[in-house]
PDBML (XML) file of the C-alpha atoms, coordinates in Angstrom:
<?xml version="1.0" encoding="UTF-8" ?>
<PDBx:datablock datablockName="MODEL"
   xmlns:PDBx="http://pdbml.pdb.org/schema/pdbx-v50.xsd"
   xmlns:xsi="http://www.w3.org/2001/XMLSchema-instance"
   xsi:schemaLocation="http://pdbml.pdb.org/schema/pdbx-v50.xsd pdbx-v50.xsd">
   <PDBx:atom_siteCategory>
      <PDBx:atom_site id="1">
         <PDBx:B_iso_or_equiv>0.00</PDBx:B_iso_or_equiv>
         <PDBx:Cartn_x>17.564</PDBx:Cartn_x>
         <PDBx:Cartn_y>1.541</PDBx:Cartn_y>
         <PDBx:Cartn_z>-1.601</PDBx:Cartn_z>
         <PDBx:auth_asym_id>A</PDBx:auth_asym_id>
         <PDBx:auth_atom_id>CA</PDBx:auth_atom_id>
         <PDBx:auth_comp_id>ARG</PDBx:auth_comp_id>
         <PDBx:auth_seq_id>1</PDBx:auth_seq_id>
         <PDBx:group_PDB>ATOM</PDBx:group_PDB>
         <PDBx:label_alt_id xsi:nil="true" />
         <PDBx:label_asym_id>A</PDBx:label_asym_id>
         <PDBx:label_atom_id>CA</PDBx:label_atom_id>
         <PDBx:label_comp_id>ARG</PDBx:label_comp_id>
         <PDBx:label_entity_id>1</PDBx:label_entity_id>
         <PDBx:label_seq_id>1</PDBx:label_seq_id>
         <PDBx:occupancy>1.00</PDBx:occupancy>
         <PDBx:pdbx_PDB_model_num>1</PDBx:pdbx_PDB_model_num>
         <PDBx:type_symbol>C</PDBx:type_symbol>
      </PDBx:atom_site>
      <PDBx:atom_site id="2">
         <PDBx:B_iso_or_equiv>0.00</PDBx:B_iso_or_equiv>
         <PDBx:Cartn_x>19.105</PDBx:Cartn_x>
         <PDBx:Cartn_y>-1.941</PDBx:Cartn_y>
         <PDBx:Cartn_z>-1.698</PDBx:Cartn_z>
         <PDBx:auth_asym_id>A</PDBx:auth_asym_id>
         <PDBx:auth_atom_id>CA</PDBx:auth_atom_id>
         <PDBx:auth_comp_id>LEU</PDBx:auth_comp_id>
         <PDBx:auth_seq_id>2</PDBx:auth_seq_id>
         <PDBx:group_PDB>ATOM</PDBx:group_PDB>
         <PDBx:label_alt_id xsi:nil="true" />
         <PDBx:label_asym_id>A</PDBx:label_asym_id>
         <PDBx:label_atom_id>CA</PDBx:label_atom_id>
         <PDBx:label_comp_id>LEU</PDBx:label_comp_id>
         <PDBx:label_entity_id>1</PDBx:label_entity_id>
         <PDBx:label_seq_id>2</PDBx:label_seq_id>
         <PDBx:occupancy>1.00</PDBx:occupancy>
         <PDBx:pdbx_PDB_model_num>1</PDBx:pdbx_PDB_model_num>
         <PDBx:type_symbol>C</PDBx:type_symbol>
      </PDBx:atom_site>
      <PDBx:atom_site id="3">
         <PDBx:B_iso_or_equiv>0.00</PDBx:B_iso_or_equiv>
         <PDBx:Cartn_x>15.679</PDBx:Cartn_x>
         <PDBx:Cartn_y>-3.452</PDBx:Cartn_y>
         <PDBx:Cartn_z>-1.112</PDBx:Cartn_z>
         <PDBx:auth_asym_id>A</PDBx:auth_asym_id>
         <PDBx:auth_atom_id>CA</PDBx:auth_atom_id>
         <PDBx:auth_comp_id>GLN</PDBx:auth_comp_id>
         <PDBx:auth_seq_id>3</PDBx:auth_seq_id>
         <PDBx:group_PDB>ATOM</PDBx:group_PDB>
         <PDBx:label_alt_id xsi:nil="true" />
         <PDBx:label_asym_id>A</PDBx:label_asym_id>
         <PDBx:label_atom_id>CA</PDBx:label_atom_id>
         <PDBx:label_comp_id>GLN</PDBx:label_comp_id>
         <PDBx:label_entity_id>1</PDBx:label_entity_id>
         <PDBx:label_seq_id>3</PDBx:label_seq_id>
         <PDBx:occupancy>1.00</PDBx:occupancy>
         <PDBx:pdbx_PDB_model_num>1</PDBx:pdbx_PDB_model_num>
         <PDBx:type_symbol>C</PDBx:type_symbol>
      </PDBx:atom_site>
      <PDBx:atom_site id="4">
         <PDBx:B_iso_or_equiv>0.00</PDBx:B_iso_or_equiv>
         <PDBx:Cartn_x>14.156</PDBx:Cartn_x>
         <PDBx:Cartn_y>-1.332</PDBx:Cartn_y>
         <PDBx:Cartn_z>-3.904</PDBx:Cartn_z>
         <PDBx:auth_asym_id>A</PDBx:auth_asym_id>
         <PDBx:auth_atom_id>CA</PDBx:auth_atom_id>
         <PDBx:auth_comp_id>VAL</PDBx:auth_comp_id>
         <PDBx:auth_seq_id>4</PDBx:auth_seq_id>
         <PDBx:group_PDB>ATOM</PDBx:group_PDB>
         <PDBx:label_alt_id xsi:nil="true" />
         <PDBx:label_asym_id>A</PDBx:label_asym_id>
         <PDBx:label_atom_id>CA</PDBx:label_atom_id>
         <PDBx:label_comp_id>VAL</PDBx:label_comp_id>
         <PDBx:label_entity_id>1</PDBx:label_entity_id>
         <PDBx:label_seq_id>4</PDBx:label_seq_id>
         <PDBx:occupancy>1.00</PDBx:occupancy>
         <PDBx:pdbx_PDB_model_num>1</PDBx:pdbx_PDB_model_num>
         <PDBx:type_symbol>C</PDBx:type_symbol>
      </PDBx:atom_site>
      <PDBx:atom_site id="5">
         <PDBx:B_iso_or_equiv>0.00</PDBx:B_iso_or_equiv>
         <PDBx:Cartn_x>16.918</PDBx:Cartn_x>
         <PDBx:Cartn_y>-2.504</PDBx:Cartn_y>
         <PDBx:Cartn_z>-6.262</PDBx:Cartn_z>
         <PDBx:auth_asym_id>A</PDBx:auth_asym_id>
         <PDBx:auth_atom_id>CA</PDBx:auth_atom_id>
         <PDBx:auth_comp_id>THR</PDBx:auth_comp_id>
         <PDBx:auth_seq_id>5</PDBx:auth_seq_id>
         <PDBx:group_PDB>ATOM</PDBx:group_PDB>
         <PDBx:label_alt_id xsi:nil="true" />
         <PDBx:label_asym_id>A</PDBx:label_asym_id>
         <PDBx:label_atom_id>CA</PDBx:label_atom_id>
         <PDBx:label_comp_id>THR</PDBx:label_comp_id>
         <PDBx:label_entity_id>1</PDBx:label_entity_id>
         <PDBx:label_seq_id>5</PDBx:label_seq_id>
         <PDBx:occupancy>1.00</PDBx:occupancy>
         <PDBx:pdbx_PDB_model_num>1</PDBx:pdbx_PDB_model_num>
         <PDBx:type_symbol>C</PDBx:type_symbol>
      </PDBx:atom_site>
      <PDBx:atom_site id="6">
         <PDBx:B_iso_or_equiv>0.00</PDBx:B_iso_or_equiv>
         <PDBx:Cartn_x>16.170</PDBx:Cartn_x>
         <PDBx:Cartn_y>-6.123</PDBx:Cartn_y>
         <PDBx:Cartn_z>-5.395</PDBx:Cartn_z>
         <PDBx:auth_asym_id>A</PDBx:auth_asym_id>
         <PDBx:auth_atom_id>CA</PDBx:auth_atom_id>
         <PDBx:auth_comp_id>HIS</PDBx:auth_comp_id>
         <PDBx:auth_seq_id>6</PDBx:auth_seq_id>
         <PDBx:group_PDB>ATOM</PDBx:group_PDB>
         <PDBx:label_alt_id xsi:nil="true" />
         <PDBx:label_asym_id>A</PDBx:label_asym_id>
         <PDBx:label_atom_id>CA</PDBx:label_atom_id>
         <PDBx:label_comp_id>HIS</PDBx:label_comp_id>
         <PDBx:label_entity_id>1</PDBx:label_entity_id>
         <PDBx:label_seq_id>6</PDBx:label_seq_id>
         <PDBx:occupancy>1.00</PDBx:occupancy>
         <PDBx:pdbx_PDB_model_num>1</PDBx:pdbx_PDB_model_num>
         <PDBx:type_symbol>C</PDBx:type_symbol>
      </PDBx:atom_site>
      <PDBx:atom_site id="7">
         <PDBx:B_iso_or_equiv>0.00</PDBx:B_iso_or_equiv>
         <PDBx:Cartn_x>12.374</PDBx:Cartn_x>
         <PDBx:Cartn_y>-5.762</PDBx:Cartn_y>
         <PDBx:Cartn_z>-5.624</PDBx:Cartn_z>
         <PDBx:auth_asym_id>A</PDBx:auth_asym_id>
         <PDBx:auth_atom_id>CA</PDBx:auth_atom_id>
         <PDBx:auth_comp_id>ILE</PDBx:auth_comp_id>
         <PDBx:auth_seq_id>7</PDBx:auth_seq_id>
         <PDBx:group_PDB>ATOM</PDBx:group_PDB>
         <PDBx:label_alt_id xsi:nil="true" />
         <PDBx:label_asym_id>A</PDBx:label_asym_id>
         <PDBx:label_atom_id>CA</PDBx:label_atom_id>
         <PDBx:label_comp_id>ILE</PDBx:label_comp_id>
         <PDBx:label_entity_id>1</PDBx:label_entity_id>
         <PDBx:label_seq_id>7</PDBx:label_seq_id>
         <PDBx:occupancy>1.00</PDBx:occupancy>
         <PDBx:pdbx_PDB_model_num>1</PDBx:pdbx_PDB_model_num>
         <PDBx:type_symbol>C</PDBx:type_symbol>
      </PDBx:atom_site>
      <PDBx:atom_site id="8">
         <PDBx:B_iso_or_equiv>0.00</PDBx:B_iso_or_equiv>
         <PDBx:Cartn_x>12.354</PDBx:Cartn_x>
         <PDBx:Cartn_y>-4.117</PDBx:Cartn_y>
         <PDBx:Cartn_z>-9.067</PDBx:Cartn_z>
         <PDBx:auth_asym_id>A</PDBx:auth_asym_id>
         <PDBx:auth_atom_id>CA</PDBx:auth_atom_id>
         <PDBx:auth_comp_id>LEU</PDBx:auth_comp_id>
         <PDBx:auth_seq_id>8</PDBx:auth_seq_id>
         <PDBx:group_PDB>ATOM</PDBx:group_PDB>
         <PDBx:label_alt_id xsi:nil="true" />
         <PDBx:label_asym_id>A</PDBx:label_asym_id>
         <PDBx:label_atom_id>CA</PDBx:label_atom_id>
         <PDBx:label_comp_id>LEU</PDBx:label_comp_id>
         <PDBx:label_entity_id>1</PDBx:label_entity_id>
         <PDBx:label_seq_id>8</PDBx:label_seq_id>
         <PDBx:occupancy>1.00</PDBx:occupancy>
         <PDBx:pdbx_PDB_model_num>1</PDBx:pdbx_PDB_model_num>
         <PDBx:type_symbol>C</PDBx:type_symbol>
      </PDBx:atom_site>
      <PDBx:atom_site id="9">
         <PDBx:B_iso_or_equiv>0.00</PDBx:B_iso_or_equiv>
         <PDBx:Cartn_x>14.327</PDBx:Cartn_x>
         <PDBx:Cartn_y>-7.033</PDBx:Cartn_y>
         <PDBx:Cartn_z>-10.532</PDBx:Cartn_z>
         <PDBx:auth_asym_id>A</PDBx:auth_asym_id>
         <PDBx:auth_atom_id>CA</PDBx:auth_atom_id>
         <PDBx:auth_comp_id>GLN</PDBx:auth_comp_id>
         <PDBx:auth_seq_id>9</PDBx:auth_seq_id>
         <PDBx:group_PDB>ATOM</PDBx:group_PDB>
         <PDBx:label_alt_id xsi:nil="true" />
         <PDBx:label_asym_id>A</PDBx:label_asym_id>
         <PDBx:label_atom_id>CA</PDBx:label_atom_id>
         <PDBx:label_comp_id>GLN</PDBx:label_comp_id>
         <PDBx:label_entity_id>1</PDBx:label_entity_id>
         <PDBx:label_seq_id>9</PDBx:label_seq_id>
         <PDBx:occupancy>1.00</PDBx:occupancy>
         <PDBx:pdbx_PDB_model_num>1</PDBx:pdbx_PDB_model_num>
         <PDBx:type_symbol>C</PDBx:type_symbol>
      </PDBx:atom_site>
      <PDBx:atom_site id="10">
         <PDBx:B_iso_or_equiv>0.00</PDBx:B_iso_or_equiv>
         <PDBx:Cartn_x>11.928</PDBx:Cartn_x>
         <PDBx:Cartn_y>-9.723</PDBx:Cartn_y>
         <PDBx:Cartn_z>-9.316</PDBx:Cartn_z>
         <PDBx:auth_asym_id>A</PDBx:auth_asym_id>
         <PDBx:auth_atom_id>CA</PDBx:auth_atom_id>
         <PDBx:auth_comp_id>MET</PDBx:auth_comp_id>
         <PDBx:auth_seq_id>10</PDBx:auth_seq_id>
         <PDBx:group_PDB>ATOM</PDBx:group_PDB>
         <PDBx:label_alt_id xsi:nil="true" />
         <PDBx:label_asym_id>A</PDBx:label_asym_id>
         <PDBx:label_atom_id>CA</PDBx:label_atom_id>
         <PDBx:label_comp_id>MET</PDBx:label_comp_id>
         <PDBx:label_entity_id>1</PDBx:label_entity_id>
         <PDBx:label_seq_id>10</PDBx:label_seq_id>
         <PDBx:occupancy>1.00</PDBx:occupancy>
         <PDBx:pdbx_PDB_model_num>1</PDBx:pdbx_PDB_model_num>
         <PDBx:type_symbol>C</PDBx:type_symbol>
      </PDBx:atom_site>
      <PDBx:atom_site id="11">
         <PDBx:B_iso_or_equiv>0.00</PDBx:B_iso_or_equiv>
         <PDBx:Cartn_x>9.752</PDBx:Cartn_x>
         <PDBx:Cartn_y>-11.823</PDBx:Cartn_y>
         <PDBx:Cartn_z>-11.629</PDBx:Cartn_z>
         <PDBx:auth_asym_id>A</PDBx:auth_asym_id>
         <PDBx:auth_atom_id>CA</PDBx:auth_atom_id>
         <PDBx:auth_comp_id>SER</PDBx:auth_comp_id>
         <PDBx:auth_seq_id>11</PDBx:auth_seq_id>
         <PDBx:group_PDB>ATOM</PDBx:group_PDB>
         <PDBx:label_alt_id xsi:nil="true" />
         <PDBx:label_asym_id>A</PDBx:label_asym_id>
         <PDBx:label_atom_id>CA</PDBx:label_atom_id>
         <PDBx:label_comp_id>SER</PDBx:label_comp_id>
         <PDBx:label_entity_id>1</PDBx:label_entity_id>
         <PDBx:label_seq_id>11</PDBx:label_seq_id>
         <PDBx:occupancy>1.00</PDBx:occupancy>
         <PDBx:pdbx_PDB_model_num>1</PDBx:pdbx_PDB_model_num>
         <PDBx:type_symbol>C</PDBx:type_symbol>
      </PDBx:atom_site>
      <PDBx:atom_site id="12">
         <PDBx:B_iso_or_equiv>0.00</PDBx:B_iso_or_equiv>
         <PDBx:Cartn_x>6.900</PDBx:Cartn_x>
         <PDBx:Cartn_y>-12.619</PDBx:Cartn_y>
         <PDBx:Cartn_z>-9.193</PDBx:Cartn_z>
         <PDBx:auth_asym_id>A</PDBx:auth_asym_id>
         <PDBx:auth_atom_id>CA</PDBx:auth_atom_id>
         <PDBx:auth_comp_id>ASP</PDBx:auth_comp_id>
         <PDBx:auth_seq_id>12</PDBx:auth_seq_id>
         <PDBx:group_PDB>ATOM</PDBx:group_PDB>
         <PDBx:label_alt_id xsi:nil="true" />
         <PDBx:label_asym_id>A</PDBx:label_asym_id>
         <PDBx:label_atom_id>CA</PDBx:label_atom_id>
         <PDBx:label_comp_id>ASP</PDBx:label_comp_id>
         <PDBx:label_entity_id>1</PDBx:label_entity_id>
         <PDBx:label_seq_id>12</PDBx:label_seq_id>
         <PDBx:occupancy>1.00</PDBx:occupancy>
         <PDBx:pdbx_PDB_model_num>1</PDBx:pdbx_PDB_model_num>
         <PDBx:type_symbol>C</PDBx:type_symbol>
      </PDBx:atom_site>
      <PDBx:atom_site id="13">
         <PDBx:B_iso_or_equiv>0.00</PDBx:B_iso_or_equiv>
         <PDBx:Cartn_x>4.310</PDBx:Cartn_x>
         <PDBx:Cartn_y>-9.845</PDBx:Cartn_y>
         <PDBx:Cartn_z>-9.687</PDBx:Cartn_z>
         <PDBx:auth_asym_id>A</PDBx:auth_asym_id>
         <PDBx:auth_atom_id>CA</PDBx:auth_atom_id>
         <PDBx:auth_comp_id>LYS</PDBx:auth_comp_id>
         <PDBx:auth_seq_id>13</PDBx:auth_seq_id>
         <PDBx:group_PDB>ATOM</PDBx:group_PDB>
         <PDBx:label_alt_id xsi:nil="true" />
         <PDBx:label_asym_id>A</PDBx:label_asym_id>
         <PDBx:label_atom_id>CA</PDBx:label_atom_id>
         <PDBx:label_comp_id>LYS</PDBx:label_comp_id>
         <PDBx:label_entity_id>1</PDBx:label_entity_id>
         <PDBx:label_seq_id>13</PDBx:label_seq_id>
         <PDBx:occupancy>1.00</PDBx:occupancy>
         <PDBx:pdbx_PDB_model_num>1</PDBx:pdbx_PDB_model_num>
         <PDBx:type_symbol>C</PDBx:type_symbol>
      </PDBx:atom_site>
      <PDBx:atom_site id="14">
         <PDBx:B_iso_or_equiv>0.00</PDBx:B_iso_or_equiv>
         <PDBx:Cartn_x>2.246</PDBx:Cartn_x>
         <PDBx:Cartn_y>-10.721</PDBx:Cartn_y>
         <PDBx:Cartn_z>-6.609</PDBx:Cartn_z>
         <PDBx:auth_asym_id>A</PDBx:auth_asym_id>
         <PDBx:auth_atom_id>CA</PDBx:auth_atom_id>
         <PDBx:auth_comp_id>LEU</PDBx:auth_comp_id>
         <PDBx:auth_seq_id>14</PDBx:auth_seq_id>
         <PDBx:group_PDB>ATOM</PDBx:group_PDB>
         <PDBx:label_alt_id xsi:nil="true" />
         <PDBx:label_asym_id>A</PDBx:label_asym_id>
         <PDBx:label_atom_id>CA</PDBx:label_atom_id>
         <PDBx:label_comp_id>LEU</PDBx:label_comp_id>
         <PDBx:label_entity_id>1</PDBx:label_entity_id>
         <PDBx:label_seq_id>14</PDBx:label_seq_id>
         <PDBx:occupancy>1.00</PDBx:occupancy>
         <PDBx:pdbx_PDB_model_num>1</PDBx:pdbx_PDB_model_num>
         <PDBx:type_symbol>C</PDBx:type_symbol>
      </PDBx:atom_site>
      <PDBx:atom_site id="15">
         <PDBx:B_iso_or_equiv>0.00</PDBx:B_iso_or_equiv>
         <PDBx:Cartn_x>5.264</PDBx:Cartn_x>
         <PDBx:Cartn_y>-10.538</PDBx:Cartn_y>
         <PDBx:Cartn_z>-4.331</PDBx:Cartn_z>
         <PDBx:auth_asym_id>A</PDBx:auth_asym_id>
         <PDBx:auth_atom_id>CA</PDBx:auth_atom_id>
         <PDBx:auth_comp_id>ARG</PDBx:auth_comp_id>
         <PDBx:auth_seq_id>15</PDBx:auth_seq_id>
         <PDBx:group_PDB>ATOM</PDBx:group_PDB>
         <PDBx:label_alt_id xsi:nil="true" />
         <PDBx:label_asym_id>A</PDBx:label_asym_id>
         <PDBx:label_atom_id>CA</PDBx:label_atom_id>
         <PDBx:label_comp_id>ARG</PDBx:label_comp_id>
         <PDBx:label_entity_id>1</PDBx:label_entity_id>
         <PDBx:label_seq_id>15</PDBx:label_seq_id>
         <PDBx:occupancy>1.00</PDBx:occupancy>
         <PDBx:pdbx_PDB_model_num>1</PDBx:pdbx_PDB_model_num>
         <PDBx:type_symbol>C</PDBx:type_symbol>
      </PDBx:atom_site>
      <PDBx:atom_site id="16">
         <PDBx:B_iso_or_equiv>0.00</PDBx:B_iso_or_equiv>
         <PDBx:Cartn_x>6.552</PDBx:Cartn_x>
         <PDBx:Cartn_y>-7.385</PDBx:Cartn_y>
         <PDBx:Cartn_z>-6.000</PDBx:Cartn_z>
         <PDBx:auth_asym_id>A</PDBx:auth_asym_id>
         <PDBx:auth_atom_id>CA</PDBx:auth_atom_id>
         <PDBx:auth_comp_id>VAL</PDBx:auth_comp_id>
         <PDBx:auth_seq_id>16</PDBx:auth_seq_id>
         <PDBx:group_PDB>ATOM</PDBx:group_PDB>
         <PDBx:label_alt_id xsi:nil="true" />
         <PDBx:label_asym_id>A</PDBx:label_asym_id>
         <PDBx:label_atom_id>CA</PDBx:label_atom_id>
         <PDBx:label_comp_id>VAL</PDBx:label_comp_id>
         <PDBx:label_entity_id>1</PDBx:label_entity_id>
         <PDBx:label_seq_id>16</PDBx:label_seq_id>
         <PDBx:occupancy>1.00</PDBx:occupancy>
         <PDBx:pdbx_PDB_model_num>1</PDBx:pdbx_PDB_model_num>
         <PDBx:type_symbol>C</PDBx:type_symbol>
      </PDBx:atom_site>
      <PDBx:atom_site id="17">
         <PDBx:B_iso_or_equiv>0.00</PDBx:B_iso_or_equiv>
         <PDBx:Cartn_x>3.215</PDBx:Cartn_x>
         <PDBx:Cartn_y>-5.613</PDBx:Cartn_y>
         <PDBx:Cartn_z>-5.525</PDBx:Cartn_z>
         <PDBx:auth_asym_id>A</PDBx:auth_asym_id>
         <PDBx:auth_atom_id>CA</PDBx:auth_atom_id>
         <PDBx:auth_comp_id>ASP</PDBx:auth_comp_id>
         <PDBx:auth_seq_id>17</PDBx:auth_seq_id>
         <PDBx:group_PDB>ATOM</PDBx:group_PDB>
         <PDBx:label_alt_id xsi:nil="true" />
         <PDBx:label_asym_id>A</PDBx:label_asym_id>
         <PDBx:label_atom_id>CA</PDBx:label_atom_id>
         <PDBx:label_comp_id>ASP</PDBx:label_comp_id>
         <PDBx:label_entity_id>1</PDBx:label_entity_id>
         <PDBx:label_seq_id>17</PDBx:label_seq_id>
         <PDBx:occupancy>1.00</PDBx:occupancy>
         <PDBx:pdbx_PDB_model_num>1</PDBx:pdbx_PDB_model_num>
         <PDBx:type_symbol>C</PDBx:type_symbol>
      </PDBx:atom_site>
      <PDBx:atom_site id="18">
         <PDBx:B_iso_or_equiv>0.00</PDBx:B_iso_or_equiv>
         <PDBx:Cartn_x>3.110</PDBx:Cartn_x>
         <PDBx:Cartn_y>-6.759</PDBx:Cartn_y>
         <PDBx:Cartn_z>-1.904</PDBx:Cartn_z>
         <PDBx:auth_asym_id>A</PDBx:auth_asym_id>
         <PDBx:auth_atom_id>CA</PDBx:auth_atom_id>
         <PDBx:auth_comp_id>LEU</PDBx:auth_comp_id>
         <PDBx:auth_seq_id>18</PDBx:auth_seq_id>
         <PDBx:group_PDB>ATOM</PDBx:group_PDB>
         <PDBx:label_alt_id xsi:nil="true" />
         <PDBx:label_asym_id>A</PDBx:label_asym_id>
         <PDBx:label_atom_id>CA</PDBx:label_atom_id>
         <PDBx:label_comp_id>LEU</PDBx:label_comp_id>
         <PDBx:label_entity_id>1</PDBx:label_entity_id>
         <PDBx:label_seq_id>18</PDBx:label_seq_id>
         <PDBx:occupancy>1.00</PDBx:occupancy>
         <PDBx:pdbx_PDB_model_num>1</PDBx:pdbx_PDB_model_num>
         <PDBx:type_symbol>C</PDBx:type_symbol>
      </PDBx:atom_site>
      <PDBx:atom_site id="19">
         <PDBx:B_iso_or_equiv>0.00</PDBx:B_iso_or_equiv>
         <PDBx:Cartn_x>6.605</PDBx:Cartn_x>
         <PDBx:Cartn_y>-5.437</PDBx:Cartn_y>
         <PDBx:Cartn_z>-1.231</PDBx:Cartn_z>
         <PDBx:auth_asym_id>A</PDBx:auth_asym_id>
         <PDBx:auth_atom_id>CA</PDBx:auth_atom_id>
         <PDBx:auth_comp_id>LEU</PDBx:auth_comp_id>
         <PDBx:auth_seq_id>19</PDBx:auth_seq_id>
         <PDBx:group_PDB>ATOM</PDBx:group_PDB>
         <PDBx:label_alt_id xsi:nil="true" />
         <PDBx:label_asym_id>A</PDBx:label_asym_id>
         <PDBx:label_atom_id>CA</PDBx:label_atom_id>
         <PDBx:label_comp_id>LEU</PDBx:label_comp_id>
         <PDBx:label_entity_id>1</PDBx:label_entity_id>
         <PDBx:label_seq_id>19</PDBx:label_seq_id>
         <PDBx:occupancy>1.00</PDBx:occupancy>
         <PDBx:pdbx_PDB_model_num>1</PDBx:pdbx_PDB_model_num>
         <PDBx:type_symbol>C</PDBx:type_symbol>
      </PDBx:atom_site>
      <PDBx:atom_site id="20">
         <PDBx:B_iso_or_equiv>0.00</PDBx:B_iso_or_equiv>
         <PDBx:Cartn_x>5.787</PDBx:Cartn_x>
         <PDBx:Cartn_y>-2.128</PDBx:Cartn_y>
         <PDBx:Cartn_z>-2.937</PDBx:Cartn_z>
         <PDBx:auth_asym_id>A</PDBx:auth_asym_id>
         <PDBx:auth_atom_id>CA</PDBx:auth_atom_id>
         <PDBx:auth_comp_id>LEU</PDBx:auth_comp_id>
         <PDBx:auth_seq_id>20</PDBx:auth_seq_id>
         <PDBx:group_PDB>ATOM</PDBx:group_PDB>
         <PDBx:label_alt_id xsi:nil="true" />
         <PDBx:label_asym_id>A</PDBx:label_asym_id>
         <PDBx:label_atom_id>CA</PDBx:label_atom_id>
         <PDBx:label_comp_id>LEU</PDBx:label_comp_id>
         <PDBx:label_entity_id>1</PDBx:label_entity_id>
         <PDBx:label_seq_id>20</PDBx:label_seq_id>
         <PDBx:occupancy>1.00</PDBx:occupancy>
         <PDBx:pdbx_PDB_model_num>1</PDBx:pdbx_PDB_model_num>
         <PDBx:type_symbol>C</PDBx:type_symbol>
      </PDBx:atom_site>
      <PDBx:atom_site id="21">
         <PDBx:B_iso_or_equiv>0.00</PDBx:B_iso_or_equiv>
         <PDBx:Cartn_x>2.872</PDBx:Cartn_x>
         <PDBx:Cartn_y>-1.813</PDBx:Cartn_y>
         <PDBx:Cartn_z>-0.523</PDBx:Cartn_z>
         <PDBx:auth_asym_id>A</PDBx:auth_asym_id>
         <PDBx:auth_atom_id>CA</PDBx:auth_atom_id>
         <PDBx:auth_comp_id>ASP</PDBx:auth_comp_id>
         <PDBx:auth_seq_id>21</PDBx:auth_seq_id>
         <PDBx:group_PDB>ATOM</PDBx:group_PDB>
         <PDBx:label_alt_id xsi:nil="true" />
         <PDBx:label_asym_id>A</PDBx:label_asym_id>
         <PDBx:label_atom_id>CA</PDBx:label_atom_id>
         <PDBx:label_comp_id>ASP</PDBx:label_comp_id>
         <PDBx:label_entity_id>1</PDBx:label_entity_id>
         <PDBx:label_seq_id>21</PDBx:label_seq_id>
         <PDBx:occupancy>1.00</PDBx:occupancy>
         <PDBx:pdbx_PDB_model_num>1</PDBx:pdbx_PDB_model_num>
         <PDBx:type_symbol>C</PDBx:type_symbol>
      </PDBx:atom_site>
      <PDBx:atom_site id="22">
         <PDBx:B_iso_or_equiv>0.00</PDBx:B_iso_or_equiv>
         <PDBx:Cartn_x>5.330</PDBx:Cartn_x>
         <PDBx:Cartn_y>-2.233</PDBx:Cartn_y>
         <PDBx:Cartn_z>2.343</PDBx:Cartn_z>
         <PDBx:auth_asym_id>A</PDBx:auth_asym_id>
         <PDBx:auth_atom_id>CA</PDBx:auth_atom_id>
         <PDBx:auth_comp_id>TYR</PDBx:auth_comp_id>
         <PDBx:auth_seq_id>22</PDBx:auth_seq_id>
         <PDBx:group_PDB>ATOM</PDBx:group_PDB>
         <PDBx:label_alt_id xsi:nil="true" />
         <PDBx:label_asym_id>A</PDBx:label_asym_id>
         <PDBx:label_atom_id>CA</PDBx:label_atom_id>
         <PDBx:label_comp_id>TYR</PDBx:label_comp_id>
         <PDBx:label_entity_id>1</PDBx:label_entity_id>
         <PDBx:label_seq_id>22</PDBx:label_seq_id>
         <PDBx:occupancy>1.00</PDBx:occupancy>
         <PDBx:pdbx_PDB_model_num>1</PDBx:pdbx_PDB_model_num>
         <PDBx:type_symbol>C</PDBx:type_symbol>
      </PDBx:atom_site>
      <PDBx:atom_site id="23">
         <PDBx:B_iso_or_equiv>0.00</PDBx:B_iso_or_equiv>
         <PDBx:Cartn_x>7.502</PDBx:Cartn_x>
         <PDBx:Cartn_y>0.523</PDBx:Cartn_y>
         <PDBx:Cartn_z>0.854</PDBx:Cartn_z>
         <PDBx:auth_asym_id>A</PDBx:auth_asym_id>
         <PDBx:auth_atom_id>CA</PDBx:auth_atom_id>
         <PDBx:auth_comp_id>LEU</PDBx:auth_comp_id>
         <PDBx:auth_seq_id>23</PDBx:auth_seq_id>
         <PDBx:group_PDB>ATOM</PDBx:group_PDB>
         <PDBx:label_alt_id xsi:nil="true" />
         <PDBx:label_asym_id>A</PDBx:label_asym_id>
         <PDBx:label_atom_id>CA</PDBx:label_atom_id>
         <PDBx:label_comp_id>LEU</PDBx:label_comp_id>
         <PDBx:label_entity_id>1</PDBx:label_entity_id>
         <PDBx:label_seq_id>23</PDBx:label_seq_id>
         <PDBx:occupancy>1.00</PDBx:occupancy>
         <PDBx:pdbx_PDB_model_num>1</PDBx:pdbx_PDB_model_num>
         <PDBx:type_symbol>C</PDBx:type_symbol>
      </PDBx:atom_site>
      <PDBx:atom_site id="24">
         <PDBx:B_iso_or_equiv>0.00</PDBx:B_iso_or_equiv>
         <PDBx:Cartn_x>4.468</PDBx:Cartn_x>
         <PDBx:Cartn_y>2.805</PDBx:Cartn_y>
         <PDBx:Cartn_z>0.749</PDBx:Cartn_z>
         <PDBx:auth_asym_id>A</PDBx:auth_asym_id>
         <PDBx:auth_atom_id>CA</PDBx:auth_atom_id>
         <PDBx:auth_comp_id>ARG</PDBx:auth_comp_id>
         <PDBx:auth_seq_id>24</PDBx:auth_seq_id>
         <PDBx:group_PDB>ATOM</PDBx:group_PDB>
         <PDBx:label_alt_id xsi:nil="true" />
         <PDBx:label_asym_id>A</PDBx:label_asym_id>
         <PDBx:label_atom_id>CA</PDBx:label_atom_id>
         <PDBx:label_comp_id>ARG</PDBx:label_comp_id>
         <PDBx:label_entity_id>1</PDBx:label_entity_id>
         <PDBx:label_seq_id>24</PDBx:label_seq_id>
         <PDBx:occupancy>1.00</PDBx:occupancy>
         <PDBx:pdbx_PDB_model_num>1</PDBx:pdbx_PDB_model_num>
         <PDBx:type_symbol>C</PDBx:type_symbol>
      </PDBx:atom_site>
      <PDBx:atom_site id="25">
         <PDBx:B_iso_or_equiv>0.00</PDBx:B_iso_or_equiv>
         <PDBx:Cartn_x>4.140</PDBx:Cartn_x>
         <PDBx:Cartn_y>2.309</PDBx:Cartn_y>
         <PDBx:Cartn_z>4.509</PDBx:Cartn_z>
         <PDBx:auth_asym_id>A</PDBx:auth_asym_id>
         <PDBx:auth_atom_id>CA</PDBx:auth_atom_id>
         <PDBx:auth_comp_id>GLU</PDBx:auth_comp_id>
         <PDBx:auth_seq_id>25</PDBx:auth_seq_id>
         <PDBx:group_PDB>ATOM</PDBx:group_PDB>
         <PDBx:label_alt_id xsi:nil="true" />
         <PDBx:label_asym_id>A</PDBx:label_asym_id>
         <PDBx:label_atom_id>CA</PDBx:label_atom_id>
         <PDBx:label_comp_id>GLU</PDBx:label_comp_id>
         <PDBx:label_entity_id>1</PDBx:label_entity_id>
         <PDBx:label_seq_id>25</PDBx:label_seq_id>
         <PDBx:occupancy>1.00</PDBx:occupancy>
         <PDBx:pdbx_PDB_model_num>1</PDBx:pdbx_PDB_model_num>
         <PDBx:type_symbol>C</PDBx:type_symbol>
      </PDBx:atom_site>
   </PDBx:atom_siteCategory>
</PDBx:datablock>
């Protein structure tokens, strides 16, 4: 949950999409 909170406030779309892929795993 803390990681999700951090990810959704980021400004780098490429990194955000990458990290969302990790969350899907």
